[in-house]
Amino acid sequence: MAEVAERVGQLPGHDRASFAALADSGTLHSPWQPVGSTNLDGYSHGQYVVVPGETDRQLLISMIDRFDTQADAVGLAAGSAALASRPTR
């Protein structure tokens, strides 16, 4: 997320430290994050179009939403449930 914050901070109207603070705050999260985790590393990937006036919060929400949508599309919930139901050795 530090690398993402660095890139976002280069955009007009955005600040690296503010974006990083929001990303690390735990106020925005994915249902795929472990309980209690505020680490969003790995929950943003690809390229994003940042429109003028878009806030750091809006951008971060779109990043998390994209991850969640792609996780749903590949059946992450079913795979996770299958792994959870396997007996441990």
PDB file of N, CA and C in Angstrom:
ATOM      1  N   MET A   1       0.820  -1.185   0.000  1.00  0.00           N
ATOM      2  CA  MET A   1       0.000   0.000   0.000  1.00  0.00           C
ATOM      3  C   MET A   1       0.870   1.258   0.000  1.00  0.00           C
ATOM      4  N   ALA A   2       2.073   1.150   0.532  1.00  0.00           N
ATOM      5  CA  ALA A   2       2.980   2.302   0.526  1.00  0.00           C
ATOM      6  C   ALA A   2       3.308   2.734  -0.903  1.00  0.00           C
ATOM      7  N   GLU A   3       3.474   1.771  -1.802  1.00  0.00           N
ATOM      8  CA  GLU A   3       3.753   2.098  -3.201  1.00  0.00           C
ATOM      9  C   GLU A   3       2.543   2.752  -3.855  1.00  0.00           C
ATOM     10  N   VAL A   4       1.366   2.273  -3.537  1.00  0.00           N
ATOM     11  CA  VAL A   4       0.144   2.873  -4.072  1.00  0.00           C
ATOM     12  C   VAL A   4       0.004   4.300  -3.560  1.00  0.00           C
ATOM     13  N   ALA A   5       0.242   4.496  -2.272  1.00  0.00           N
ATOM     14  CA  ALA A   5       0.150   5.836  -1.687  1.00  0.00           C
ATOM     15  C   ALA A   5       1.143   6.789  -2.351  1.00  0.00           C
ATOM     16  N   GLU A   6       2.318   6.281  -2.663  1.00  0.00           N
ATOM     17  CA  GLU A   6       3.333   7.103  -3.336  1.00  0.00           C
ATOM     18  C   GLU A   6       2.819   7.575  -4.694  1.00  0.00           C
ATOM     19  N   ARG A   7       2.216   6.665  -5.444  1.00  0.00           N
ATOM     20  CA  ARG A   7       1.683   7.027  -6.776  1.00  0.00           C
ATOM     21  C   ARG A   7       0.496   7.971  -6.654  1.00  0.00           C
ATOM     22  N   VAL A   8      -0.405   7.680  -5.733  1.00  0.00           N
ATOM     23  CA  VAL A   8      -1.579   8.544  -5.534  1.00  0.00           C
ATOM     24  C   VAL A   8      -1.137   9.943  -5.127  1.00  0.00           C
ATOM     25  N   GLY A   9      -0.111  10.030  -4.298  1.00  0.00           N
ATOM     26  CA  GLY A   9       0.384  11.320  -3.848  1.00  0.00           C
ATOM     27  C   GLY A   9       0.921  12.196  -4.958  1.00  0.00           C
ATOM     28  N   GLN A  10       1.219  11.611  -6.109  1.00  0.00           N
ATOM     29  CA  GLN A  10       1.704  12.365  -7.260  1.00  0.00           C
ATOM     30  C   GLN A  10       0.574  12.993  -8.064  1.00  0.00           C
ATOM     31  N   LEU A  11      -0.657  12.627  -7.752  1.00  0.00           N
ATOM     32  CA  LEU A  11      -1.816  13.143  -8.492  1.00  0.00           C
ATOM     33  C   LEU A  11      -2.262  14.488  -7.922  1.00  0.00           C
ATOM     34  N   PRO A  12      -2.705  15.374  -8.778  1.00  0.00           N
ATOM     35  CA  PRO A  12      -3.207  16.666  -8.285  1.00  0.00           C
ATOM     36  C   PRO A  12      -4.367  16.463  -7.304  1.00  0.00           C
ATOM     37  N   GLY A  13      -4.306  17.166  -6.188  1.00  0.00           N
ATOM     38  CA  GLY A  13      -5.370  17.086  -5.197  1.00  0.00           C
ATOM     39  C   GLY A  13      -5.250  15.933  -4.226  1.00  0.00           C
ATOM     40  N   HIS A  14      -4.172  15.180  -4.314  1.00  0.00           N
ATOM     41  CA  HIS A  14      -3.980  14.035  -3.426  1.00  0.00           C
ATOM     42  C   HIS A  14      -2.659  14.180  -2.688  1.00  0.00           C
ATOM     43  N   ASP A  15      -2.580  13.518  -1.555  1.00  0.00           N
ATOM     44  CA  ASP A  15      -1.393  13.589  -0.712  1.00  0.00           C
ATOM     45  C   ASP A  15      -1.022  12.183  -0.262  1.00  0.00           C
ATOM     46  N   ARG A  16       0.237  11.824  -0.442  1.00  0.00           N
ATOM     47  CA  ARG A  16       0.700  10.487  -0.096  1.00  0.00           C
ATOM     48  C   ARG A  16       0.398  10.131   1.355  1.00  0.00           C
ATOM     49  N   ALA A  17       0.735  11.032   2.264  1.00  0.00           N
ATOM     50  CA  ALA A  17       0.562  10.746   3.689  1.00  0.00           C
ATOM     51  C   ALA A  17      -0.909  10.591   4.058  1.00  0.00           C
ATOM     52  N   SER A  18      -1.755  11.411   3.483  1.00  0.00           N
ATOM     53  CA  SER A  18      -3.197  11.322   3.783  1.00  0.00           C
ATOM     54  C   SER A  18      -3.787  10.012   3.271  1.00  0.00           C
ATOM     55  N   PHE A  19      -3.392   9.635   2.053  1.00  0.00           N
ATOM     56  CA  PHE A  19      -3.884   8.380   1.491  1.00  0.00           C
ATOM     57  C   PHE A  19      -3.395   7.204   2.337  1.00  0.00           C
ATOM     58  N   ALA A  20      -2.112   7.219   2.686  1.00  0.00           N
ATOM     59  CA  ALA A  20      -1.545   6.132   3.494  1.00  0.00           C
ATOM     60  C   ALA A  20      -2.230   6.044   4.854  1.00  0.00           C
ATOM     61  N   ALA A  21      -2.499   7.193   5.463  1.00  0.00           N
ATOM     62  CA  ALA A  21      -3.155   7.197   6.773  1.00  0.00           C
ATOM     63  C   ALA A  21      -4.553   6.598   6.677  1.00  0.00           C
ATOM     64  N   LEU A  22      -5.281   6.954   5.622  1.00  0.00           N
ATOM     65  CA  LEU A  22      -6.618   6.395   5.437  1.00  0.00           C
ATOM     66  C   LEU A  22      -6.534   4.885   5.203  1.00  0.00           C
ATOM     67  N   ALA A  23      -5.606   4.467   4.366  1.00  0.00           N
ATOM     68  CA  ALA A  23      -5.459   3.038   4.069  1.00  0.00           C
ATOM     69  C   ALA A  23      -5.095   2.234   5.313  1.00  0.00           C
ATOM     70  N   ASP A  24      -4.330   2.826   6.207  1.00  0.00           N
ATOM     71  CA  ASP A  24      -3.889   2.132   7.421  1.00  0.00           C
ATOM     72  C   ASP A  24      -4.840   2.286   8.607  1.00  0.00           C
ATOM     73  N   SER A  25      -5.852   3.119   8.450  1.00  0.00           N
ATOM     74  CA  SER A  25      -6.714   3.460   9.586  1.00  0.00           C
ATOM     75  C   SER A  25      -7.672   2.345  10.009  1.00  0.00           C
ATOM     76  N   GLY A  26      -7.992   1.457   9.089  1.00  0.00           N
ATOM     77  CA  GLY A  26      -8.961   0.411   9.405  1.00  0.00           C
ATOM     78  C   GLY A  26     -10.403   0.835   9.209  1.00  0.00           C
ATOM     79  N   THR A  27     -10.637   2.067   8.766  1.00  0.00           N
ATOM     80  CA  THR A  27     -12.016   2.502   8.553  1.00  0.00           C
ATOM     81  C   THR A  27     -12.604   1.905   7.280  1.00  0.00           C
ATOM     82  N   LEU A  28     -11.755   1.549   6.337  1.00  0.00           N
ATOM     83  CA  LEU A  28     -12.198   0.876   5.113  1.00  0.00           C
ATOM     84  C   LEU A  28     -11.568  -0.506   5.102  1.00  0.00           C
ATOM     85  N   HIS A  29     -12.368  -1.493   4.766  1.00  0.00           N
ATOM     86  CA  HIS A  29     -11.824  -2.844   4.775  1.00  0.00           C
ATOM     87  C   HIS A  29     -12.586  -3.742   3.818  1.00  0.00           C
ATOM     88  N   SER A  30     -11.985  -4.846   3.523  1.00  0.00           N
ATOM     89  CA  SER A  30     -12.585  -5.884   2.697  1.00  0.00           C
ATOM     90  C   SER A  30     -13.071  -7.000   3.613  1.00  0.00           C
ATOM     91  N   PRO A  31     -14.152  -7.661   3.237  1.00  0.00           N
ATOM     92  CA  PRO A  31     -14.576  -8.804   4.049  1.00  0.00           C
ATOM     93  C   PRO A  31     -13.555  -9.944   4.022  1.00  0.00           C
ATOM     94  N   TRP A  32     -12.585  -9.850   3.120  1.00  0.00           N
ATOM     95  CA  TRP A  32     -11.567 -10.893   3.031  1.00  0.00           C
ATOM     96  C   TRP A  32     -10.394 -10.650   3.956  1.00  0.00           C
ATOM     97  N   GLN A  33     -10.341  -9.503   4.588  1.00  0.00           N
ATOM     98  CA  GLN A  33      -9.267  -9.239   5.545  1.00  0.00           C
ATOM     99  C   GLN A  33      -9.488 -10.044   6.813  1.00  0.00           C
ATOM    100  N   PRO A  34      -8.414 -10.493   7.425  1.00  0.00           N
ATOM    101  CA  PRO A  34      -8.565 -11.152   8.720  1.00  0.00           C
ATOM    102  C   PRO A  34      -9.184 -10.195   9.742  1.00  0.00           C
ATOM    103  N   VAL A  35      -9.941 -10.735  10.656  1.00  0.00           N
ATOM    104  CA  VAL A  35     -10.579  -9.926  11.696  1.00  0.00           C
ATOM    105  C   VAL A  35      -9.508  -9.140  12.443  1.00  0.00           C
ATOM    106  N   GLY A  36      -9.760  -7.855  12.582  1.00  0.00           N
ATOM    107  CA  GLY A  36      -8.850  -6.983  13.299  1.00  0.00           C
ATOM    108  C   GLY A  36      -7.712  -6.412  12.466  1.00  0.00           C
ATOM    109  N   SER A  37      -7.553  -6.871  11.235  1.00  0.00           N
ATOM    110  CA  SER A  37      -6.471  -6.384  10.378  1.00  0.00           C
ATOM    111  C   SER A  37      -6.824  -5.027   9.777  1.00  0.00           C
ATOM    112  N   THR A  38      -5.852  -4.151   9.731  1.00  0.00           N
ATOM    113  CA  THR A  38      -6.029  -2.870   9.041  1.00  0.00           C
ATOM    114  C   THR A  38      -5.095  -2.797   7.834  1.00  0.00           C
ATOM    115  N   ASN A  39      -4.466  -3.893   7.496  1.00  0.00           N
ATOM    116  CA  ASN A  39      -3.502  -3.942   6.402  1.00  0.00           C
ATOM    117  C   ASN A  39      -4.219  -4.224   5.083  1.00  0.00           C
ATOM    118  N   LEU A  40      -4.172  -3.255   4.157  1.00  0.00           N
ATOM    119  CA  LEU A  40      -4.813  -3.424   2.855  1.00  0.00           C
ATOM    120  C   LEU A  40      -3.833  -3.849   1.765  1.00  0.00           C
ATOM    121  N   ASP A  41      -2.617  -4.230   2.137  1.00  0.00           N
ATOM    122  CA  ASP A  41      -1.673  -4.717   1.131  1.00  0.00           C
ATOM    123  C   ASP A  41      -2.286  -5.907   0.408  1.00  0.00           C
ATOM    124  N   GLY A  42      -2.236  -5.863  -0.920  1.00  0.00           N
ATOM    125  CA  GLY A  42      -2.779  -6.947  -1.729  1.00  0.00           C
ATOM    126  C   GLY A  42      -4.231  -6.758  -2.129  1.00  0.00           C
ATOM    127  N   TYR A  43      -4.886  -5.741  -1.596  1.00  0.00           N
ATOM    128  CA  TYR A  43      -6.292  -5.516  -1.918  1.00  0.00           C
ATOM    129  C   TYR A  43      -6.466  -4.474  -3.016  1.00  0.00           C
ATOM    130  N   SER A  44      -5.374  -4.039  -3.620  1.00  0.00           N
ATOM    131  CA  SER A  44      -5.453  -3.130  -4.763  1.00  0.00           C
ATOM    132  C   SER A  44      -4.472  -3.634  -5.812  1.00  0.00           C
ATOM    133  N   HIS A  45      -4.935  -3.712  -7.027  1.00  0.00           N
ATOM    134  CA  HIS A  45      -4.061  -4.134  -8.112  1.00  0.00           C
ATOM    135  C   HIS A  45      -4.626  -3.614  -9.423  1.00  0.00           C
ATOM    136  N   GLY A  46      -3.797  -3.573 -10.415  1.00  0.00           N
ATOM    137  CA  GLY A  46      -4.237  -3.111 -11.723  1.00  0.00           C
ATOM    138  C   GLY A  46      -4.112  -1.606 -11.854  1.00  0.00           C
ATOM    139  N   GLN A  47      -4.753  -1.113 -12.881  1.00  0.00           N
ATOM    140  CA  GLN A  47      -4.728   0.314 -13.156  1.00  0.00           C
ATOM    141  C   GLN A  47      -6.073   0.921 -12.814  1.00  0.00           C
ATOM    142  N   TYR A  48      -6.038   2.159 -12.373  1.00  0.00           N
ATOM    143  CA  TYR A  48      -7.250   2.865 -11.987  1.00  0.00           C
ATOM    144  C   TYR A  48      -7.291   4.213 -12.685  1.00  0.00           C
ATOM    145  N   VAL A  49      -8.473   4.615 -13.079  1.00  0.00           N
ATOM    146  CA  VAL A  49      -8.677   5.948 -13.618  1.00  0.00           C
ATOM    147  C   VAL A  49      -9.143   6.806 -12.454  1.00  0.00           C
ATOM    148  N   VAL A  50      -8.380   7.833 -12.161  1.00  0.00           N
ATOM    149  CA  VAL A  50      -8.730   8.741 -11.081  1.00  0.00           C
ATOM    150  C   VAL A  50      -9.295   9.998 -11.729  1.00  0.00           C
ATOM    151  N   VAL A  51     -10.558  10.262 -11.457  1.00  0.00           N
ATOM    152  CA  VAL A  51     -11.211  11.418 -12.071  1.00  0.00           C
ATOM    153  C   VAL A  51     -11.002  12.653 -11.201  1.00  0.00           C
ATOM    154  N   PRO A  52     -10.972  13.818 -11.841  1.00  0.00           N
ATOM    155  CA  PRO A  52     -10.808  15.051 -11.050  1.00  0.00           C
ATOM    156  C   PRO A  52     -11.889  15.156  -9.972  1.00  0.00           C
ATOM    157  N   GLY A  53     -11.473  15.500  -8.779  1.00  0.00           N
ATOM    158  CA  GLY A  53     -12.402  15.646  -7.660  1.00  0.00           C
ATOM    159  C   GLY A  53     -12.625  14.373  -6.868  1.00  0.00           C
ATOM    160  N   GLU A  54     -12.127  13.250  -7.353  1.00  0.00           N
ATOM    161  CA  GLU A  54     -12.283  11.991  -6.619  1.00  0.00           C
ATOM    162  C   GLU A  54     -11.411  12.045  -5.366  1.00  0.00           C
ATOM    163  N   THR A  55     -11.984  11.675  -4.253  1.00  0.00           N
ATOM    164  CA  THR A  55     -11.261  11.725  -2.983  1.00  0.00           C
ATOM    165  C   THR A  55     -10.436  10.459  -2.778  1.00  0.00           C
ATOM    166  N   ASP A  56      -9.512  10.540  -1.842  1.00  0.00           N
ATOM    167  CA  ASP A  56      -8.738   9.351  -1.477  1.00  0.00           C
ATOM    168  C   ASP A  56      -9.672   8.243  -1.013  1.00  0.00           C
ATOM    169  N   ARG A  57     -10.674   8.607  -0.250  1.00  0.00           N
ATOM    170  CA  ARG A  57     -11.643   7.623   0.247  1.00  0.00           C
ATOM    171  C   ARG A  57     -12.364   6.934  -0.910  1.00  0.00           C
ATOM    172  N   GLN A  58     -12.829   7.700  -1.880  1.00  0.00           N
ATOM    173  CA  GLN A  58     -13.525   7.119  -3.028  1.00  0.00           C
ATOM    174  C   GLN A  58     -12.600   6.196  -3.816  1.00  0.00           C
ATOM    175  N   LEU A  59     -11.365   6.632  -4.000  1.00  0.00           N
ATOM    176  CA  LEU A  59     -10.399   5.815  -4.732  1.00  0.00           C
ATOM    177  C   LEU A  59     -10.114   4.515  -3.989  1.00  0.00           C
ATOM    178  N   LEU A  60      -9.897   4.589  -2.706  1.00  0.00           N
ATOM    179  CA  LEU A  60      -9.607   3.387  -1.923  1.00  0.00           C
ATOM    180  C   LEU A  60     -10.804   2.443  -1.904  1.00  0.00           C
ATOM    181  N   ILE A  61     -12.002   2.986  -1.809  1.00  0.00           N
ATOM    182  CA  ILE A  61     -13.205   2.149  -1.864  1.00  0.00           C
ATOM    183  C   ILE A  61     -13.283   1.426  -3.205  1.00  0.00           C
ATOM    184  N   SER A  62     -12.979   2.115  -4.297  1.00  0.00           N
ATOM    185  CA  SER A  62     -13.044   1.461  -5.607  1.00  0.00           C
ATOM    186  C   SER A  62     -11.990   0.361  -5.722  1.00  0.00           C
ATOM    187  N   MET A  63     -10.832   0.557  -5.113  1.00  0.00           N
ATOM    188  CA  MET A  63      -9.798  -0.479  -5.128  1.00  0.00           C
ATOM    189  C   MET A  63     -10.255  -1.721  -4.363  1.00  0.00           C
ATOM    190  N   ILE A  64     -10.803  -1.504  -3.192  1.00  0.00           N
ATOM    191  CA  ILE A  64     -11.281  -2.627  -2.374  1.00  0.00           C
ATOM    192  C   ILE A  64     -12.453  -3.322  -3.063  1.00  0.00           C
ATOM    193  N   ASP A  65     -13.375  -2.541  -3.613  1.00  0.00           N
ATOM    194  CA  ASP A  65     -14.522  -3.119  -4.321  1.00  0.00           C
ATOM    195  C   ASP A  65     -14.082  -3.974  -5.499  1.00  0.00           C
ATOM    196  N   ARG A  66     -13.057  -3.511  -6.235  1.00  0.00           N
ATOM    197  CA  ARG A  66     -12.567  -4.305  -7.371  1.00  0.00           C
ATOM    198  C   ARG A  66     -12.015  -5.638  -6.873  1.00  0.00           C
ATOM    199  N   PHE A  67     -11.249  -5.613  -5.798  1.00  0.00           N
ATOM    200  CA  PHE A  67     -10.725  -6.858  -5.247  1.00  0.00           C
ATOM    201  C   PHE A  67     -11.873  -7.782  -4.850  1.00  0.00           C
ATOM    202  N   ASP A  68     -12.847  -7.248  -4.126  1.00  0.00           N
ATOM    203  CA  ASP A  68     -13.976  -8.069  -3.664  1.00  0.00           C
ATOM    204  C   ASP A  68     -14.740  -8.670  -4.834  1.00  0.00           C
ATOM    205  N   THR A  69     -14.960  -7.889  -5.882  1.00  0.00           N
ATOM    206  CA  THR A  69     -15.673  -8.373  -7.071  1.00  0.00           C
ATOM    207  C   THR A  69     -14.895  -9.490  -7.745  1.00  0.00           C
ATOM    208  N   GLN A  70     -13.595  -9.311  -7.878  1.00  0.00           N
ATOM    209  CA  GLN A  70     -12.777 -10.347  -8.511  1.00  0.00           C
ATOM    210  C   GLN A  70     -12.688 -11.597  -7.631  1.00  0.00           C
ATOM    211  N   ALA A  71     -12.646 -11.412  -6.336  1.00  0.00           N
ATOM    212  CA  ALA A  71     -12.634 -12.562  -5.428  1.00  0.00           C
ATOM    213  C   ALA A  71     -13.930 -13.359  -5.573  1.00  0.00           C
ATOM    214  N   ASP A  72     -15.044 -12.654  -5.671  1.00  0.00           N
ATOM    215  CA  ASP A  72     -16.331 -13.324  -5.874  1.00  0.00           C
ATOM    216  C   ASP A  72     -16.366 -14.044  -7.220  1.00  0.00           C
ATOM    217  N   ALA A  73     -15.818 -13.405  -8.253  1.00  0.00           N
ATOM    218  CA  ALA A  73     -15.856 -13.976  -9.602  1.00  0.00           C
ATOM    219  C   ALA A  73     -15.072 -15.280  -9.710  1.00  0.00           C
ATOM    220  N   VAL A  74     -14.015 -15.420  -8.936  1.00  0.00           N
ATOM    221  CA  VAL A  74     -13.220 -16.648  -9.000  1.00  0.00           C
ATOM    222  C   VAL A  74     -13.633 -17.669  -7.950  1.00  0.00           C
ATOM    223  N   GLY A  75     -14.690 -17.379  -7.211  1.00  0.00           N
ATOM    224  CA  GLY A  75     -15.203 -18.336  -6.237  1.00  0.00           C
ATOM    225  C   GLY A  75     -14.391 -18.444  -4.972  1.00  0.00           C
ATOM    226  N   LEU A  76     -13.815 -17.348  -4.536  1.00  0.00           N
ATOM    227  CA  LEU A  76     -13.000 -17.376  -3.331  1.00  0.00           C
ATOM    228  C   LEU A  76     -13.801 -17.829  -2.108  1.00  0.00           C
ATOM    229  N   ALA A  77     -15.067 -17.458  -2.042  1.00  0.00           N
ATOM    230  CA  ALA A  77     -15.892 -17.854  -0.891  1.00  0.00           C
ATOM    231  C   ALA A  77     -16.048 -19.377  -0.838  1.00  0.00           C
ATOM    232  N   ALA A  78     -16.330 -19.983  -1.988  1.00  0.00           N
ATOM    233  CA  ALA A  78     -16.513 -21.435  -2.021  1.00  0.00           C
ATOM    234  C   ALA A  78     -15.199 -22.143  -1.690  1.00  0.00           C
ATOM    235  N   GLY A  79     -14.108 -21.646  -2.240  1.00  0.00           N
ATOM    236  CA  GLY A  79     -12.805 -22.247  -1.953  1.00  0.00           C
ATOM    237  C   GLY A  79     -12.429 -22.113  -0.499  1.00  0.00           C
ATOM    238  N   SER A  80     -12.718 -20.974   0.068  1.00  0.00           N
ATOM    239  CA  SER A  80     -12.430 -20.737   1.477  1.00  0.00           C
ATOM    240  C   SER A  80     -13.253 -21.661   2.360  1.00  0.00           C
ATOM    241  N   ALA A  81     -14.527 -21.822   2.021  1.00  0.00           N
ATOM    242  CA  ALA A  81     -15.400 -22.706   2.800  1.00  0.00           C
ATOM    243  C   ALA A  81     -14.937 -24.155   2.696  1.00  0.00           C
ATOM    244  N   ALA A  82     -14.506 -24.546   1.505  1.00  0.00           N
ATOM    245  CA  ALA A  82     -14.035 -25.923   1.317  1.00  0.00           C
ATOM    246  C   ALA A  82     -12.779 -26.176   2.147  1.00  0.00           C
ATOM    247  N   LEU A  83     -11.884 -25.217   2.174  1.00  0.00           N
ATOM    248  CA  LEU A  83     -10.670 -25.380   2.974  1.00  0.00           C
ATOM    249  C   LEU A  83     -10.991 -25.411   4.465  1.00  0.00           C
ATOM    250  N   ALA A  84     -11.946 -24.588   4.873  1.00  0.00           N
ATOM    251  CA  ALA A  84     -12.296 -24.531   6.288  1.00  0.00           C
ATOM    252  C   ALA A  84     -12.941 -25.834   6.766  1.00  0.00           C
ATOM    253  N   SER A  85     -13.602 -26.547   5.857  1.00  0.00           N
ATOM    254  CA  SER A  85     -14.287 -27.775   6.261  1.00  0.00           C
ATOM    255  C   SER A  85     -13.388 -29.012   6.197  1.00  0.00           C
ATOM    256  N   ARG A  86     -12.186 -28.849   5.684  1.00  0.00           N
ATOM    257  CA  ARG A  86     -11.249 -29.986   5.610  1.00  0.00           C
ATOM    258  C   ARG A  86     -10.704 -30.287   6.994  1.00  0.00           C
ATOM    259  N   PRO A  87     -10.602 -31.546   7.317  1.00  0.00           N
ATOM    260  CA  PRO A  87     -10.012 -31.897   8.625  1.00  0.00           C
ATOM    261  C   PRO A  87      -8.525 -31.530   8.644  1.00  0.00           C
ATOM    262  N   THR A  88      -8.065 -31.125   9.790  1.00  0.00           N
ATOM    263  CA  THR A  88      -6.644 -30.805   9.923  1.00  0.00           C
ATOM    264  C   THR A  88      -5.874 -32.080  10.219  1.00  0.00           C
ATOM    265  N   ARG A  89      -4.631 -32.050   9.885  1.00  0.00           N
ATOM    266  CA  ARG A  89      -3.799 -33.253  10.097  1.00  0.00           C
ATOM    267  C   ARG A  89      -2.955 -33.108  11.308  1.00  0.00           C
TER     268      ARG A  89
END
